[in-house]
Each structure stands twice: as structure tokens, then as C-alpha cells.
PDB file of N, CA and C in Angstrom:
ATOM      1  N   MET A   1     -88.107 165.674 106.953  1.00  0.00           N
ATOM      2  CA  MET A   1     -86.875 165.417 106.229  1.00  0.00           C
ATOM      3  C   MET A   1     -85.739 165.359 107.248  1.00  0.00           C
ATOM      4  N   LYS A   2     -84.895 164.380 107.089  1.00  0.00           N
ATOM      5  CA  LYS A   2     -83.738 164.206 107.970  1.00  0.00           C
ATOM      6  C   LYS A   2     -82.505 164.728 107.243  1.00  0.00           C
ATOM      7  N   THR A   3     -81.713 165.555 107.932  1.00  0.00           N
ATOM      8  CA  THR A   3     -80.459 166.057 107.382  1.00  0.00           C
ATOM      9  C   THR A   3     -79.320 165.224 107.933  1.00  0.00           C
ATOM     10  N   VAL A   4     -78.475 164.729 107.041  1.00  0.00           N
ATOM     11  CA  VAL A   4     -77.331 163.899 107.437  1.00  0.00           C
ATOM     12  C   VAL A   4     -76.069 164.575 106.937  1.00  0.00           C
ATOM     13  N   LYS A   5     -75.171 164.936 107.876  1.00  0.00           N
ATOM     14  CA  LYS A   5     -73.897 165.526 107.493  1.00  0.00           C
ATOM     15  C   LYS A   5     -72.931 164.413 107.140  1.00  0.00           C
ATOM     16  N   LEU A   6     -72.331 164.535 105.978  1.00  0.00           N
ATOM     17  CA  LEU A   6     -71.347 163.546 105.541  1.00  0.00           C
ATOM     18  C   LEU A   6     -69.955 164.100 105.807  1.00  0.00           C
ATOM     19  N   ASP A   7     -69.271 163.467 106.718  1.00  0.00           N
ATOM     20  CA  ASP A   7     -67.896 163.825 107.033  1.00  0.00           C
ATOM     21  C   ASP A   7     -67.139 162.541 107.337  1.00  0.00           C
ATOM     22  N   LYS A   8     -66.076 162.632 108.072  1.00  0.00           N
ATOM     23  CA  LYS A   8     -65.274 161.440 108.359  1.00  0.00           C
ATOM     24  C   LYS A   8     -66.024 160.415 109.205  1.00  0.00           C
ATOM     25  N   LYS A   9     -67.053 160.854 109.945  1.00  0.00           N
ATOM     26  CA  LYS A   9     -67.823 159.950 110.795  1.00  0.00           C
ATOM     27  C   LYS A   9     -69.191 159.652 110.186  1.00  0.00           C
ATOM     28  N   SER A  10     -69.291 159.637 108.893  1.00  0.00           N
ATOM     29  CA  SER A  10     -70.566 159.431 108.199  1.00  0.00           C
ATOM     30  C   SER A  10     -71.106 158.033 108.455  1.00  0.00           C
ATOM     31  N   PRO A  11     -72.446 157.907 108.473  1.00  0.00           N
ATOM     32  CA  PRO A  11     -73.027 156.573 108.604  1.00  0.00           C
ATOM     33  C   PRO A  11     -72.734 155.736 107.361  1.00  0.00           C
ATOM     34  N   PRO A  12     -72.720 154.423 107.508  1.00  0.00           N
ATOM     35  CA  PRO A  12     -72.496 153.555 106.348  1.00  0.00           C
ATOM     36  C   PRO A  12     -73.634 153.701 105.328  1.00  0.00           C
ATOM     37  N   VAL A  13     -73.345 153.354 104.106  1.00  0.00           N
ATOM     38  CA  VAL A  13     -74.311 153.493 103.016  1.00  0.00           C
ATOM     39  C   VAL A  13     -75.600 152.727 103.309  1.00  0.00           C
ATOM     40  N   ASP A  14     -75.504 151.524 103.854  1.00  0.00           N
ATOM     41  CA  ASP A  14     -76.726 150.759 104.134  1.00  0.00           C
ATOM     42  C   ASP A  14     -77.600 151.458 105.167  1.00  0.00           C
ATOM     43  N   GLU A  15     -76.987 152.177 106.112  1.00  0.00           N
ATOM     44  CA  GLU A  15     -77.761 152.934 107.090  1.00  0.00           C
ATOM     45  C   GLU A  15     -78.440 154.141 106.427  1.00  0.00           C
ATOM     46  N   LEU A  16     -77.726 154.802 105.525  1.00  0.00           N
ATOM     47  CA  LEU A  16     -78.319 155.923 104.778  1.00  0.00           C
ATOM     48  C   LEU A  16     -79.516 155.449 103.949  1.00  0.00           C
ATOM     49  N   LEU A  17     -79.380 154.296 103.323  1.00  0.00           N
ATOM     50  CA  LEU A  17     -80.492 153.748 102.531  1.00  0.00           C
ATOM     51  C   LEU A  17     -81.684 153.422 103.423  1.00  0.00           C
ATOM     52  N   ALA A  18     -81.427 152.917 104.628  1.00  0.00           N
ATOM     53  CA  ALA A  18     -82.514 152.617 105.568  1.00  0.00           C
ATOM     54  C   ALA A  18     -83.240 153.900 105.959  1.00  0.00           C
ATOM     55  N   PHE A  19     -82.490 154.976 106.223  1.00  0.00           N
ATOM     56  CA  PHE A  19     -83.114 156.276 106.517  1.00  0.00           C
ATOM     57  C   PHE A  19     -83.996 156.700 105.354  1.00  0.00           C
ATOM     58  N   ALA A  20     -83.452 156.593 104.126  1.00  0.00           N
ATOM     59  CA  ALA A  20     -84.157 157.053 102.931  1.00  0.00           C
ATOM     60  C   ALA A  20     -85.437 156.257 102.672  1.00  0.00           C
ATOM     61  N   ARG A  21     -85.483 155.018 103.117  1.00  0.00           N
ATOM     62  CA  ARG A  21     -86.705 154.229 102.943  1.00  0.00           C
ATOM     63  C   ARG A  21     -87.826 154.725 103.852  1.00  0.00           C
ATOM     64  N   ARG A  22     -87.451 155.307 104.992  1.00  0.00           N
ATOM     65  CA  ARG A  22     -88.443 155.778 105.963  1.00  0.00           C
ATOM     66  C   ARG A  22     -88.886 157.212 105.703  1.00  0.00           C
ATOM     67  N   GLU A  23     -87.958 158.058 105.280  1.00  0.00           N
ATOM     68  CA  GLU A  23     -88.265 159.473 105.052  1.00  0.00           C
ATOM     69  C   GLU A  23     -87.221 160.077 104.126  1.00  0.00           C
ATOM     70  N   ALA A  24     -87.542 161.264 103.620  1.00  0.00           N
ATOM     71  CA  ALA A  24     -86.604 161.966 102.746  1.00  0.00           C
ATOM     72  C   ALA A  24     -85.375 162.363 103.555  1.00  0.00           C
ATOM     73  N   ILE A  25     -84.218 162.294 102.919  1.00  0.00           N
ATOM     74  CA  ILE A  25     -82.991 162.725 103.593  1.00  0.00           C
ATOM     75  C   ILE A  25     -82.264 163.747 102.727  1.00  0.00           C
ATOM     76  N   LEU A  26     -81.576 164.637 103.395  1.00  0.00           N
ATOM     77  CA  LEU A  26     -80.753 165.639 102.734  1.00  0.00           C
ATOM     78  C   LEU A  26     -79.323 165.369 103.159  1.00  0.00           C
ATOM     79  N   LEU A  27     -78.460 165.086 102.198  1.00  0.00           N
ATOM     80  CA  LEU A  27     -77.057 164.804 102.493  1.00  0.00           C
ATOM     81  C   LEU A  27     -76.268 166.099 102.378  1.00  0.00           C
ATOM     82  N   VAL A  28     -75.540 166.441 103.436  1.00  0.00           N
ATOM     83  CA  VAL A  28     -74.770 167.674 103.476  1.00  0.00           C
ATOM     84  C   VAL A  28     -73.292 167.324 103.608  1.00  0.00           C
ATOM     85  N   PHE A  29     -72.507 167.867 102.695  1.00  0.00           N
ATOM     86  CA  PHE A  29     -71.054 167.649 102.710  1.00  0.00           C
ATOM     87  C   PHE A  29     -70.403 168.903 103.287  1.00  0.00           C
ATOM     88  N   ASP A  30     -69.732 168.775 104.425  1.00  0.00           N
ATOM     89  CA  ASP A  30     -69.117 169.936 105.074  1.00  0.00           C
ATOM     90  C   ASP A  30     -68.185 170.693 104.142  1.00  0.00           C
ATOM     91  N   GLN A  31     -67.372 169.980 103.415  1.00  0.00           N
ATOM     92  CA  GLN A  31     -66.414 170.616 102.519  1.00  0.00           C
ATOM     93  C   GLN A  31     -67.143 171.393 101.417  1.00  0.00           C
ATOM     94  N   GLU A  32     -68.221 170.815 100.902  1.00  0.00           N
ATOM     95  CA  GLU A  32     -68.996 171.468  99.850  1.00  0.00           C
ATOM     96  C   GLU A  32     -69.625 172.757 100.376  1.00  0.00           C
ATOM     97  N   VAL A  33     -70.203 172.705 101.567  1.00  0.00           N
ATOM     98  CA  VAL A  33     -70.835 173.880 102.167  1.00  0.00           C
ATOM     99  C   VAL A  33     -69.811 174.988 102.357  1.00  0.00           C
ATOM    100  N   SER A  34     -68.646 174.635 102.841  1.00  0.00           N
ATOM    101  CA  SER A  34     -67.587 175.617 103.072  1.00  0.00           C
ATOM    102  C   SER A  34     -67.152 176.273 101.764  1.00  0.00           C
ATOM    103  N   LYS A  35     -66.951 175.469 100.745  1.00  0.00           N
ATOM    104  CA  LYS A  35     -66.490 176.007  99.457  1.00  0.00           C
ATOM    105  C   LYS A  35     -67.567 176.877  98.799  1.00  0.00           C
ATOM    106  N   LEU A  36     -68.816 176.434  98.825  1.00  0.00           N
ATOM    107  CA  LEU A  36     -69.876 177.219  98.201  1.00  0.00           C
ATOM    108  C   LEU A  36     -70.130 178.517  98.957  1.00  0.00           C
ATOM    109  N   GLY A  37     -70.014 178.479 100.271  1.00  0.00           N
ATOM    110  CA  GLY A  37     -70.235 179.680 101.075  1.00  0.00           C
ATOM    111  C   GLY A  37     -69.210 180.765 100.819  1.00  0.00           C
ATOM    112  N   SER A  38     -68.026 180.397 100.377  1.00  0.00           N
ATOM    113  CA  SER A  38     -66.992 181.385 100.097  1.00  0.00           C
ATOM    114  C   SER A  38     -66.862 181.691  98.601  1.00  0.00           C
ATOM    115  N   ASN A  39     -67.743 181.132  97.782  1.00  0.00           N
ATOM    116  CA  ASN A  39     -67.709 181.342  96.343  1.00  0.00           C
ATOM    117  C   ASN A  39     -68.588 182.551  95.998  1.00  0.00           C
ATOM    118  N   THR A  40     -67.955 183.664  95.655  1.00  0.00           N
ATOM    119  CA  THR A  40     -68.714 184.898  95.404  1.00  0.00           C
ATOM    120  C   THR A  40     -69.649 184.761  94.209  1.00  0.00           C
ATOM    121  N   LYS A  41     -69.250 184.041  93.190  1.00  0.00           N
ATOM    122  CA  LYS A  41     -70.111 183.862  92.017  1.00  0.00           C
ATOM    123  C   LYS A  41     -71.380 183.083  92.396  1.00  0.00           C
ATOM    124  N   PHE A  42     -71.223 182.030  93.187  1.00  0.00           N
ATOM    125  CA  PHE A  42     -72.372 181.228  93.616  1.00  0.00           C
ATOM    126  C   PHE A  42     -73.280 182.039  94.537  1.00  0.00           C
ATOM    127  N   MET A  43     -72.682 182.794  95.459  1.00  0.00           N
ATOM    128  CA  MET A  43     -73.481 183.602  96.377  1.00  0.00           C
ATOM    129  C   MET A  43     -74.248 184.690  95.613  1.00  0.00           C
ATOM    130  N   SER A  44     -73.646 185.272  94.583  1.00  0.00           N
ATOM    131  CA  SER A  44     -74.339 186.257  93.740  1.00  0.00           C
ATOM    132  C   SER A  44     -75.509 185.612  93.021  1.00  0.00           C
ATOM    133  N   PHE A  45     -75.298 184.391  92.522  1.00  0.00           N
ATOM    134  CA  PHE A  45     -76.365 183.641  91.861  1.00  0.00           C
ATOM    135  C   PHE A  45     -77.544 183.434  92.814  1.00  0.00           C
ATOM    136  N   LEU A  46     -77.256 183.013  94.052  1.00  0.00           N
ATOM    137  CA  LEU A  46     -78.328 182.791  95.032  1.00  0.00           C
ATOM    138  C   LEU A  46     -79.064 184.090  95.364  1.00  0.00           C
ATOM    139  N   GLU A  47     -78.308 185.174  95.497  1.00  0.00           N
ATOM    140  CA  GLU A  47     -78.931 186.464  95.790  1.00  0.00           C
ATOM    141  C   GLU A  47     -79.861 186.888  94.653  1.00  0.00           C
ATOM    142  N   GLU A  48     -79.400 186.704  93.421  1.00  0.00           N
ATOM    143  CA  GLU A  48     -80.220 187.051  92.257  1.00  0.00           C
ATOM    144  C   GLU A  48     -81.490 186.198  92.219  1.00  0.00           C
ATOM    145  N   ARG A  49     -81.346 184.910  92.466  1.00  0.00           N
ATOM    146  CA  ARG A  49     -82.505 184.003  92.456  1.00  0.00           C
ATOM    147  C   ARG A  49     -83.500 184.351  93.557  1.00  0.00           C
ATOM    148  N   SER A  50     -83.014 184.798  94.699  1.00  0.00           N
ATOM    149  CA  SER A  50     -83.909 185.118  95.809  1.00  0.00           C
ATOM    150  C   SER A  50     -84.757 186.356  95.514  1.00  0.00           C
ATOM    151  N   ARG A  51     -84.314 187.199  94.589  1.00  0.00           N
ATOM    152  CA  ARG A  51     -85.071 188.390  94.222  1.00  0.00           C
ATOM    153  C   ARG A  51     -86.137 188.110  93.168  1.00  0.00           C
ATOM    154  N   GLU A  52     -86.084 186.954  92.522  1.00  0.00           N
ATOM    155  CA  GLU A  52     -87.063 186.629  91.483  1.00  0.00           C
ATOM    156  C   GLU A  52     -88.446 186.463  92.106  1.00  0.00           C
ATOM    157  N   GLN A  53     -89.446 186.953  91.376  1.00  0.00           N
ATOM    158  CA  GLN A  53     -90.811 186.843  91.865  1.00  0.00           C
ATOM    159  C   GLN A  53     -91.670 186.214  90.790  1.00  0.00           C
ATOM    160  N   GLY A  54     -92.828 185.769  91.215  1.00  0.00           N
ATOM    161  CA  GLY A  54     -93.777 185.229  90.264  1.00  0.00           C
ATOM    162  C   GLY A  54     -93.639 183.742  90.065  1.00  0.00           C
ATOM    163  N   VAL A  55     -94.468 183.234  89.176  1.00  0.00           N
ATOM    164  CA  VAL A  55     -94.513 181.828  88.902  1.00  0.00           C
ATOM    165  C   VAL A  55     -94.240 181.621  87.418  1.00  0.00           C
ATOM    166  N   ILE A  56     -93.515 180.576  87.107  1.00  0.00           N
ATOM    167  CA  ILE A  56     -93.244 180.248  85.710  1.00  0.00           C
ATOM    168  C   ILE A  56     -94.215 179.162  85.287  1.00  0.00           C
ATOM    169  N   SER A  57     -94.953 179.422  84.242  1.00  0.00           N
ATOM    170  CA  SER A  57     -95.941 178.457  83.739  1.00  0.00           C
ATOM    171  C   SER A  57     -95.244 177.252  83.139  1.00  0.00           C
ATOM    172  N   ILE A  58     -95.835 176.103  83.312  1.00  0.00           N
ATOM    173  CA  ILE A  58     -95.286 174.874  82.733  1.00  0.00           C
ATOM    174  C   ILE A  58     -95.417 174.876  81.216  1.00  0.00           C
ATOM    175  N   GLU A  59     -96.322 175.680  80.715  1.00  0.00           N
ATOM    176  CA  GLU A  59     -96.504 175.800  79.265  1.00  0.00           C
ATOM    177  C   GLU A  59     -95.406 176.648  78.720  1.00  0.00           C
TER     178      GLU A  59
END
């Protein structure tokens, strides 16, 4: 998987599509990462989810 940071110097959309045709890509927005990292409610949610154990049946 290729990680692509989207900021002011982001690749053009056609280049992103070319990457996606070859392999999975993860688009990362710097502003989004910064805001989520300082969001206590979101961080609490992630902490709670990380403590969950087991498997949920599809049934």
C-alpha cells in the first residue's frame, strides 16, 4: 500500500488514479491528522476500540 500525503504539493488527480490502478493507496490529509490527533473525544473512541477483544460473527 502506498501512502500519499495530500497538502499544497499534492500530486494531480490523474497521477493519484494511476497509483491506485497499480496498488492500494492511502490518502492522508495533514490538516485532518492534526485535528483528529488533538480531538479528545476521537482519541477516547480509538482507545476504547483498541481494548475490544474477540470476533464479531457476521450472523
